[in-house]
Amino acid sequence: MDQLINKIFDNAVWPFMALLSALAMLLFIYGIVEFIAGADSEEKRKTGKSHLIWGIVGLFVMASFSGIIALIKNFVESLR
């Protein structure tokens, strides 16, 4: 059972978390580029700022999920 849980986490959960974290980071970087490139337009700066904020929120959520998943995994392993 322990090997099954480790395989699930190593082959499914962590790669999925890494993918979502990378997408959040790309959104954050895109927001930076959009904010700087649209410095002359208030609407473009507003859109860039929105992407920045949502990128940060996404990164925070992914970091939180990583911690929660690690806690759950440690709890399940400690039950044995």
PDB file of N, CA and C in Angstrom:
ATOM      1  N   MET A   1       0.821  -1.199   0.000  1.00  0.00           N
ATOM      2  CA  MET A   1       0.000   0.000   0.000  1.00  0.00           C
ATOM      3  C   MET A   1       0.864   1.262   0.000  1.00  0.00           C
ATOM      4  N   ASP A   2       1.955   1.214   0.754  1.00  0.00           N
ATOM      5  CA  ASP A   2       2.845   2.366   0.837  1.00  0.00           C
ATOM      6  C   ASP A   2       3.474   2.662  -0.528  1.00  0.00           C
ATOM      7  N   GLN A   3       3.836   1.623  -1.248  1.00  0.00           N
ATOM      8  CA  GLN A   3       4.422   1.815  -2.574  1.00  0.00           C
ATOM      9  C   GLN A   3       3.391   2.398  -3.545  1.00  0.00           C
ATOM     10  N   LEU A   4       2.154   1.978  -3.412  1.00  0.00           N
ATOM     11  CA  LEU A   4       1.091   2.486  -4.282  1.00  0.00           C
ATOM     12  C   LEU A   4       0.893   3.986  -4.050  1.00  0.00           C
ATOM     13  N   ILE A   5       0.840   4.398  -2.791  1.00  0.00           N
ATOM     14  CA  ILE A   5       0.666   5.820  -2.477  1.00  0.00           C
ATOM     15  C   ILE A   5       1.844   6.625  -3.003  1.00  0.00           C
ATOM     16  N   ASN A   6       3.061   6.126  -2.809  1.00  0.00           N
ATOM     17  CA  ASN A   6       4.250   6.830  -3.315  1.00  0.00           C
ATOM     18  C   ASN A   6       4.228   6.935  -4.836  1.00  0.00           C
ATOM     19  N   LYS A   7       3.808   5.875  -5.520  1.00  0.00           N
ATOM     20  CA  LYS A   7       3.732   5.916  -6.980  1.00  0.00           C
ATOM     21  C   LYS A   7       2.691   6.923  -7.450  1.00  0.00           C
ATOM     22  N   ILE A   8       1.548   6.967  -6.766  1.00  0.00           N
ATOM     23  CA  ILE A   8       0.507   7.927  -7.144  1.00  0.00           C
ATOM     24  C   ILE A   8       1.013   9.349  -6.984  1.00  0.00           C
ATOM     25  N   PHE A   9       1.648   9.633  -5.843  1.00  0.00           N
ATOM     26  CA  PHE A   9       2.155  10.977  -5.608  1.00  0.00           C
ATOM     27  C   PHE A   9       3.288  11.332  -6.568  1.00  0.00           C
ATOM     28  N   ASP A  10       4.197  10.392  -6.792  1.00  0.00           N
ATOM     29  CA  ASP A  10       5.353  10.676  -7.639  1.00  0.00           C
ATOM     30  C   ASP A  10       5.007  10.771  -9.116  1.00  0.00           C
ATOM     31  N   ASN A  11       4.036  10.000  -9.570  1.00  0.00           N
ATOM     32  CA  ASN A  11       3.729   9.954 -10.999  1.00  0.00           C
ATOM     33  C   ASN A  11       2.513  10.765 -11.415  1.00  0.00           C
ATOM     34  N   ALA A  12       1.674  11.162 -10.478  1.00  0.00           N
ATOM     35  CA  ALA A  12       0.459  11.890 -10.857  1.00  0.00           C
ATOM     36  C   ALA A  12       0.337  13.236 -10.155  1.00  0.00           C
ATOM     37  N   VAL A  13       0.429  13.226  -8.861  1.00  0.00           N
ATOM     38  CA  VAL A  13       0.136  14.447  -8.100  1.00  0.00           C
ATOM     39  C   VAL A  13       1.223  15.493  -8.281  1.00  0.00           C
ATOM     40  N   TRP A  14       2.471  15.141  -8.032  1.00  0.00           N
ATOM     41  CA  TRP A  14       3.551  16.133  -8.100  1.00  0.00           C
ATOM     42  C   TRP A  14       3.765  16.691  -9.505  1.00  0.00           C
ATOM     43  N   PRO A  15       3.723  15.872 -10.564  1.00  0.00           N
ATOM     44  CA  PRO A  15       3.835  16.480 -11.907  1.00  0.00           C
ATOM     45  C   PRO A  15       2.677  17.426 -12.227  1.00  0.00           C
ATOM     46  N   PHE A  16       1.469  17.090 -11.794  1.00  0.00           N
ATOM     47  CA  PHE A  16       0.318  17.961 -12.003  1.00  0.00           C
ATOM     48  C   PHE A  16       0.495  19.271 -11.240  1.00  0.00           C
ATOM     49  N   MET A  17       0.988  19.187 -10.021  1.00  0.00           N
ATOM     50  CA  MET A  17       1.244  20.388  -9.223  1.00  0.00           C
ATOM     51  C   MET A  17       2.329  21.240  -9.886  1.00  0.00           C
ATOM     52  N   ALA A  18       3.350  20.600 -10.416  1.00  0.00           N
ATOM     53  CA  ALA A  18       4.417  21.339 -11.094  1.00  0.00           C
ATOM     54  C   ALA A  18       3.887  22.042 -12.341  1.00  0.00           C
ATOM     55  N   LEU A  19       3.024  21.378 -13.076  1.00  0.00           N
ATOM     56  CA  LEU A  19       2.425  21.976 -14.271  1.00  0.00           C
ATOM     57  C   LEU A  19       1.589  23.205 -13.911  1.00  0.00           C
ATOM     58  N   LEU A  20       0.756  23.078 -12.893  1.00  0.00           N
ATOM     59  CA  LEU A  20      -0.073  24.210 -12.485  1.00  0.00           C
ATOM     60  C   LEU A  20       0.777  25.355 -11.934  1.00  0.00           C
ATOM     61  N   SER A  21       1.849  25.026 -11.224  1.00  0.00           N
ATOM     62  CA  SER A  21       2.757  26.065 -10.725  1.00  0.00           C
ATOM     63  C   SER A  21       3.442  26.780 -11.879  1.00  0.00           C
ATOM     64  N   ALA A  22       3.843  26.023 -12.882  1.00  0.00           N
ATOM     65  CA  ALA A  22       4.484  26.633 -14.050  1.00  0.00           C
ATOM     66  C   ALA A  22       3.501  27.545 -14.792  1.00  0.00           C
ATOM     67  N   LEU A  23       2.259  27.134 -14.894  1.00  0.00           N
ATOM     68  CA  LEU A  23       1.252  27.982 -15.545  1.00  0.00           C
ATOM     69  C   LEU A  23       1.018  29.270 -14.750  1.00  0.00           C
ATOM     70  N   ALA A  24       0.984  29.165 -13.435  1.00  0.00           N
ATOM     71  CA  ALA A  24       0.819  30.359 -12.603  1.00  0.00           C
ATOM     72  C   ALA A  24       2.023  31.289 -12.760  1.00  0.00           C
ATOM     73  N   MET A  25       3.217  30.720 -12.845  1.00  0.00           N
ATOM     74  CA  MET A  25       4.422  31.538 -13.029  1.00  0.00           C
ATOM     75  C   MET A  25       4.403  32.211 -14.399  1.00  0.00           C
ATOM     76  N   LEU A  26       3.968  31.491 -15.419  1.00  0.00           N
ATOM     77  CA  LEU A  26       3.867  32.085 -16.751  1.00  0.00           C
ATOM     78  C   LEU A  26       2.846  33.221 -16.776  1.00  0.00           C
ATOM     79  N   LEU A  27       1.741  33.060 -16.081  1.00  0.00           N
ATOM     80  CA  LEU A  27       0.751  34.128 -16.000  1.00  0.00           C
ATOM     81  C   LEU A  27       1.334  35.348 -15.299  1.00  0.00           C
ATOM     82  N   PHE A  28       2.102  35.121 -14.250  1.00  0.00           N
ATOM     83  CA  PHE A  28       2.746  36.218 -13.531  1.00  0.00           C
ATOM     84  C   PHE A  28       3.733  36.955 -14.435  1.00  0.00           C
ATOM     85  N   ILE A  29       4.574  36.204 -15.139  1.00  0.00           N
ATOM     86  CA  ILE A  29       5.553  36.814 -16.046  1.00  0.00           C
ATOM     87  C   ILE A  29       4.853  37.546 -17.184  1.00  0.00           C
ATOM     88  N   TYR A  30       3.802  36.945 -17.721  1.00  0.00           N
ATOM     89  CA  TYR A  30       3.025  37.601 -18.773  1.00  0.00           C
ATOM     90  C   TYR A  30       2.437  38.916 -18.263  1.00  0.00           C
ATOM     91  N   GLY A  31       1.971  38.922 -17.024  1.00  0.00           N
ATOM     92  CA  GLY A  31       1.444  40.140 -16.433  1.00  0.00           C
ATOM     93  C   GLY A  31       2.499  41.225 -16.310  1.00  0.00           C
ATOM     94  N   ILE A  32       3.723  40.836 -15.958  1.00  0.00           N
ATOM     95  CA  ILE A  32       4.824  41.803 -15.877  1.00  0.00           C
ATOM     96  C   ILE A  32       5.092  42.412 -17.249  1.00  0.00           C
ATOM     97  N   VAL A  33       5.204  41.557 -18.254  1.00  0.00           N
ATOM     98  CA  VAL A  33       5.475  42.025 -19.614  1.00  0.00           C
ATOM     99  C   VAL A  33       4.341  42.923 -20.101  1.00  0.00           C
ATOM    100  N   GLU A  34       3.123  42.509 -19.852  1.00  0.00           N
ATOM    101  CA  GLU A  34       1.968  43.287 -20.293  1.00  0.00           C
ATOM    102  C   GLU A  34       1.904  44.635 -19.571  1.00  0.00           C
ATOM    103  N   PHE A  35       2.234  44.653 -18.292  1.00  0.00           N
ATOM    104  CA  PHE A  35       2.217  45.884 -17.512  1.00  0.00           C
ATOM    105  C   PHE A  35       3.264  46.868 -18.016  1.00  0.00           C
ATOM    106  N   ILE A  36       4.470  46.359 -18.301  1.00  0.00           N
ATOM    107  CA  ILE A  36       5.554  47.232 -18.771  1.00  0.00           C
ATOM    108  C   ILE A  36       5.303  47.679 -20.203  1.00  0.00           C
ATOM    109  N   ALA A  37       4.882  46.751 -21.062  1.00  0.00           N
ATOM    110  CA  ALA A  37       4.661  47.090 -22.468  1.00  0.00           C
ATOM    111  C   ALA A  37       3.491  48.059 -22.646  1.00  0.00           C
ATOM    112  N   GLY A  38       2.518  47.996 -21.743  1.00  0.00           N
ATOM    113  CA  GLY A  38       1.363  48.864 -21.862  1.00  0.00           C
ATOM    114  C   GLY A  38       1.437  50.064 -20.939  1.00  0.00           C
ATOM    115  N   ALA A  39       2.640  50.565 -20.681  1.00  0.00           N
ATOM    116  CA  ALA A  39       2.822  51.674 -19.740  1.00  0.00           C
ATOM    117  C   ALA A  39       2.103  52.939 -20.193  1.00  0.00           C
ATOM    118  N   ASP A  40       1.874  53.075 -21.478  1.00  0.00           N
ATOM    119  CA  ASP A  40       1.224  54.289 -21.980  1.00  0.00           C
ATOM    120  C   ASP A  40      -0.306  54.201 -21.945  1.00  0.00           C
ATOM    121  N   SER A  41      -0.855  53.039 -21.689  1.00  0.00           N
ATOM    122  CA  SER A  41      -2.304  52.851 -21.694  1.00  0.00           C
ATOM    123  C   SER A  41      -2.777  52.384 -20.316  1.00  0.00           C
ATOM    124  N   GLU A  42      -3.702  53.091 -19.759  1.00  0.00           N
ATOM    125  CA  GLU A  42      -4.250  52.728 -18.446  1.00  0.00           C
ATOM    126  C   GLU A  42      -4.942  51.363 -18.489  1.00  0.00           C
ATOM    127  N   GLU A  43      -5.641  51.071 -19.576  1.00  0.00           N
ATOM    128  CA  GLU A  43      -6.351  49.793 -19.700  1.00  0.00           C
ATOM    129  C   GLU A  43      -5.372  48.616 -19.749  1.00  0.00           C
ATOM    130  N   LYS A  44      -4.270  48.763 -20.494  1.00  0.00           N
ATOM    131  CA  LYS A  44      -3.279  47.689 -20.580  1.00  0.00           C
ATOM    132  C   LYS A  44      -2.573  47.487 -19.246  1.00  0.00           C
ATOM    133  N   ARG A  45      -2.297  48.578 -18.531  1.00  0.00           N
ATOM    134  CA  ARG A  45      -1.687  48.453 -17.207  1.00  0.00           C
ATOM    135  C   ARG A  45      -2.640  47.753 -16.245  1.00  0.00           C
ATOM    136  N   LYS A  46      -3.926  48.077 -16.344  1.00  0.00           N
ATOM    137  CA  LYS A  46      -4.921  47.444 -15.481  1.00  0.00           C
ATOM    138  C   LYS A  46      -5.001  45.947 -15.763  1.00  0.00           C
ATOM    139  N   THR A  47      -4.984  45.587 -17.039  1.00  0.00           N
ATOM    140  CA  THR A  47      -5.009  44.167 -17.416  1.00  0.00           C
ATOM    141  C   THR A  47      -3.741  43.459 -16.950  1.00  0.00           C
ATOM    142  N   GLY A  48      -2.594  44.100 -17.140  1.00  0.00           N
ATOM    143  CA  GLY A  48      -1.333  43.520 -16.686  1.00  0.00           C
ATOM    144  C   GLY A  48      -1.309  43.343 -15.180  1.00  0.00           C
ATOM    145  N   LYS A  49      -1.819  44.323 -14.457  1.00  0.00           N
ATOM    146  CA  LYS A  49      -1.870  44.234 -12.993  1.00  0.00           C
ATOM    147  C   LYS A  49      -2.778  43.088 -12.559  1.00  0.00           C
ATOM    148  N   SER A  50      -3.879  42.914 -13.266  1.00  0.00           N
ATOM    149  CA  SER A  50      -4.786  41.817 -12.958  1.00  0.00           C
ATOM    150  C   SER A  50      -4.097  40.466 -13.160  1.00  0.00           C
ATOM    151  N   HIS A  51      -3.352  40.321 -14.250  1.00  0.00           N
ATOM    152  CA  HIS A  51      -2.617  39.077 -14.490  1.00  0.00           C
ATOM    153  C   HIS A  51      -1.545  38.864 -13.430  1.00  0.00           C
ATOM    154  N   LEU A  52      -0.884  39.927 -13.012  1.00  0.00           N
ATOM    155  CA  LEU A  52       0.114  39.821 -11.940  1.00  0.00           C
ATOM    156  C   LEU A  52      -0.526  39.287 -10.662  1.00  0.00           C
ATOM    157  N   ILE A  53      -1.644  39.867 -10.291  1.00  0.00           N
ATOM    158  CA  ILE A  53      -2.312  39.464  -9.055  1.00  0.00           C
ATOM    159  C   ILE A  53      -2.770  38.013  -9.128  1.00  0.00           C
ATOM    160  N   TRP A  54      -3.384  37.629 -10.251  1.00  0.00           N
ATOM    161  CA  TRP A  54      -3.861  36.253 -10.370  1.00  0.00           C
ATOM    162  C   TRP A  54      -2.704  35.260 -10.450  1.00  0.00           C
ATOM    163  N   GLY A  55      -1.572  35.672 -11.016  1.00  0.00           N
ATOM    164  CA  GLY A  55      -0.390  34.815 -11.016  1.00  0.00           C
ATOM    165  C   GLY A  55       0.128  34.587  -9.611  1.00  0.00           C
ATOM    166  N   ILE A  56       0.150  35.645  -8.805  1.00  0.00           N
ATOM    167  CA  ILE A  56       0.585  35.514  -7.412  1.00  0.00           C
ATOM    168  C   ILE A  56      -0.385  34.644  -6.622  1.00  0.00           C
ATOM    169  N   VAL A  57      -1.680  34.845  -6.843  1.00  0.00           N
ATOM    170  CA  VAL A  57      -2.681  34.018  -6.162  1.00  0.00           C
ATOM    171  C   VAL A  57      -2.493  32.549  -6.547  1.00  0.00           C
ATOM    172  N   GLY A  58      -2.275  32.291  -7.828  1.00  0.00           N
ATOM    173  CA  GLY A  58      -2.056  30.918  -8.284  1.00  0.00           C
ATOM    174  C   GLY A  58      -0.827  30.292  -7.659  1.00  0.00           C
ATOM    175  N   LEU A  59       0.263  31.049  -7.584  1.00  0.00           N
ATOM    176  CA  LEU A  59       1.478  30.527  -6.960  1.00  0.00           C
ATOM    177  C   LEU A  59       1.260  30.250  -5.478  1.00  0.00           C
ATOM    178  N   PHE A  60       0.539  31.146  -4.797  1.00  0.00           N
ATOM    179  CA  PHE A  60       0.248  30.931  -3.386  1.00  0.00           C
ATOM    180  C   PHE A  60      -0.608  29.684  -3.180  1.00  0.00           C
ATOM    181  N   VAL A  61      -1.624  29.520  -4.007  1.00  0.00           N
ATOM    182  CA  VAL A  61      -2.497  28.353  -3.897  1.00  0.00           C
ATOM    183  C   VAL A  61      -1.712  27.066  -4.148  1.00  0.00           C
ATOM    184  N   MET A  62      -0.851  27.077  -5.153  1.00  0.00           N
ATOM    185  CA  MET A  62      -0.074  25.866  -5.449  1.00  0.00           C
ATOM    186  C   MET A  62       0.895  25.540  -4.312  1.00  0.00           C
ATOM    187  N   ALA A  63       1.510  26.557  -3.721  1.00  0.00           N
ATOM    188  CA  ALA A  63       2.394  26.321  -2.575  1.00  0.00           C
ATOM    189  C   ALA A  63       1.598  25.772  -1.392  1.00  0.00           C
ATOM    190  N   SER A  64       0.407  26.299  -1.179  1.00  0.00           N
ATOM    191  CA  SER A  64      -0.445  25.813  -0.091  1.00  0.00           C
ATOM    192  C   SER A  64      -0.861  24.365  -0.336  1.00  0.00           C
ATOM    193  N   PHE A  65      -1.269  24.064  -1.565  1.00  0.00           N
ATOM    194  CA  PHE A  65      -1.653  22.692  -1.884  1.00  0.00           C
ATOM    195  C   PHE A  65      -0.485  21.735  -1.713  1.00  0.00           C
ATOM    196  N   SER A  66       0.703  22.171  -2.092  1.00  0.00           N
ATOM    197  CA  SER A  66       1.872  21.311  -1.925  1.00  0.00           C
ATOM    198  C   SER A  66       2.083  20.975  -0.449  1.00  0.00           C
ATOM    199  N   GLY A  67       1.944  21.970   0.397  1.00  0.00           N
ATOM    200  CA  GLY A  67       2.085  21.733   1.830  1.00  0.00           C
ATOM    201  C   GLY A  67       0.997  20.843   2.379  1.00  0.00           C
ATOM    202  N   ILE A  68      -0.241  21.068   1.958  1.00  0.00           N
ATOM    203  CA  ILE A  68      -1.366  20.255   2.426  1.00  0.00           C
ATOM    204  C   ILE A  68      -1.212  18.811   1.960  1.00  0.00           C
ATOM    205  N   ILE A  69      -0.813  18.617   0.717  1.00  0.00           N
ATOM    206  CA  ILE A  69      -0.625  17.260   0.200  1.00  0.00           C
ATOM    207  C   ILE A  69       0.505  16.555   0.935  1.00  0.00           C
ATOM    208  N   ALA A  70       1.581  17.276   1.239  1.00  0.00           N
ATOM    209  CA  ALA A  70       2.672  16.677   1.997  1.00  0.00           C
ATOM    210  C   ALA A  70       2.205  16.281   3.400  1.00  0.00           C
ATOM    211  N   LEU A  71       1.388  17.111   4.036  1.00  0.00           N
ATOM    212  CA  LEU A  71       0.842  16.763   5.348  1.00  0.00           C
ATOM    213  C   LEU A  71      -0.042  15.523   5.279  1.00  0.00           C
ATOM    214  N   ILE A  72      -0.899  15.455   4.271  1.00  0.00           N
ATOM    215  CA  ILE A  72      -1.773  14.291   4.113  1.00  0.00           C
ATOM    216  C   ILE A  72      -0.947  13.032   3.884  1.00  0.00           C
ATOM    217  N   LYS A  73       0.054  13.142   3.031  1.00  0.00           N
ATOM    218  CA  LYS A  73       0.909  11.981   2.750  1.00  0.00           C
ATOM    219  C   LYS A  73       1.624  11.523   4.015  1.00  0.00           C
ATOM    220  N   ASN A  74       2.167  12.460   4.790  1.00  0.00           N
ATOM    221  CA  ASN A  74       2.842  12.087   6.035  1.00  0.00           C
ATOM    222  C   ASN A  74       1.867  11.491   7.040  1.00  0.00           C
ATOM    223  N   PHE A  75       0.642  12.020   7.104  1.00  0.00           N
ATOM    224  CA  PHE A  75      -0.360  11.481   8.014  1.00  0.00           C
ATOM    225  C   PHE A  75      -0.715  10.048   7.638  1.00  0.00           C
ATOM    226  N   VAL A  76      -0.947   9.799   6.354  1.00  0.00           N
ATOM    227  CA  VAL A  76      -1.287   8.447   5.906  1.00  0.00           C
ATOM    228  C   VAL A  76      -0.141   7.488   6.177  1.00  0.00           C
ATOM    229  N   GLU A  77       1.094   7.939   5.949  1.00  0.00           N
ATOM    230  CA  GLU A  77       2.243   7.068   6.206  1.00  0.00           C
ATOM    231  C   GLU A  77       2.412   6.791   7.699  1.00  0.00           C
ATOM    232  N   SER A  78       2.032   7.748   8.558  1.00  0.00           N
ATOM    233  CA  SER A  78       2.202   7.541   9.990  1.00  0.00           C
ATOM    234  C   SER A  78       1.158   6.609  10.576  1.00  0.00           C
ATOM    235  N   LEU A  79       0.084   6.325   9.842  1.00  0.00           N
ATOM    236  CA  LEU A  79      -0.938   5.421  10.321  1.00  0.00           C
ATOM    237  C   LEU A  79      -0.481   3.970  10.305  1.00  0.00           C
ATOM    238  N   ARG A  80       0.578   3.686   9.634  1.00  0.00           N
ATOM    239  CA  ARG A  80       1.067   2.302   9.551  1.00  0.00           C
ATOM    240  C   ARG A  80       1.888   1.920  10.733  1.00  0.00           C
TER     241      ARG A  80
END
